[in-house]
Amino acid sequence: MKRSCAIFLWAVICAVVTFASFVGAQESTQDSKAAAPKAGEPPAAVRNAQAGREYSGMYSFLKDGEFVQISVEDQGRVTGFVSRYGDGENEKVAFLDQYLRIGKLDGNKVSFTTETVRGVWFEFKGTVERGEGKNPGDEAYYILKGTLTENTSDAAKKMTTHASEVVFKMFPKS
């Protein structure tokens, strides 16, 4: 009798395990069918890796002739630089390039901090939005809108900050 009970119990356990693996396999097949991309559409991993790349480009900066160049890379990493006029009397005609030390894109939220050059660095926090440009490649098709903070440290290590609301327009793509 004990042996019959043990065999019966073993059969029930095997049936439960088999049924559970069968149901799991069916759910996995249904999930992969639901997640399958439509014809001509890249897989989700490719879409996520490319998300935000359309925002890459050159945008206006504070003064005419100055610009910020951003490139959106994998996992929303933002690289690039700010090219601006120098601040000193003898630097008015010299351009200073300040590379982005940290940059991130999360959805349409973008932030970056530049390297320090001659005691000045910038921090930007804002969004990438559609601008007034009608077609991709037009001027201001995208804009960077947010708060730009200019940080300055003088020779005595005294730091000053100045924050302002800005809108940087994307330059047209040729």
Foldseek 3Di string as FASTA:
>chain_A
DVVVVVVVVVVVVVVVVVVVVVVVVVVVVVVCVVQDDDPPDDHPVVCQQCPPQLVFAWWADDDPPKIWGWGQGGPFWIWTWTWDFDDDPVRRVPIDIWIWPGWGQDRFWIWTKTDDDQFKIKIWTFGKDQAPDDDRQAKQRIKGWGKMKIWGQDPVRDIDIDIDTDIIIGHGDD
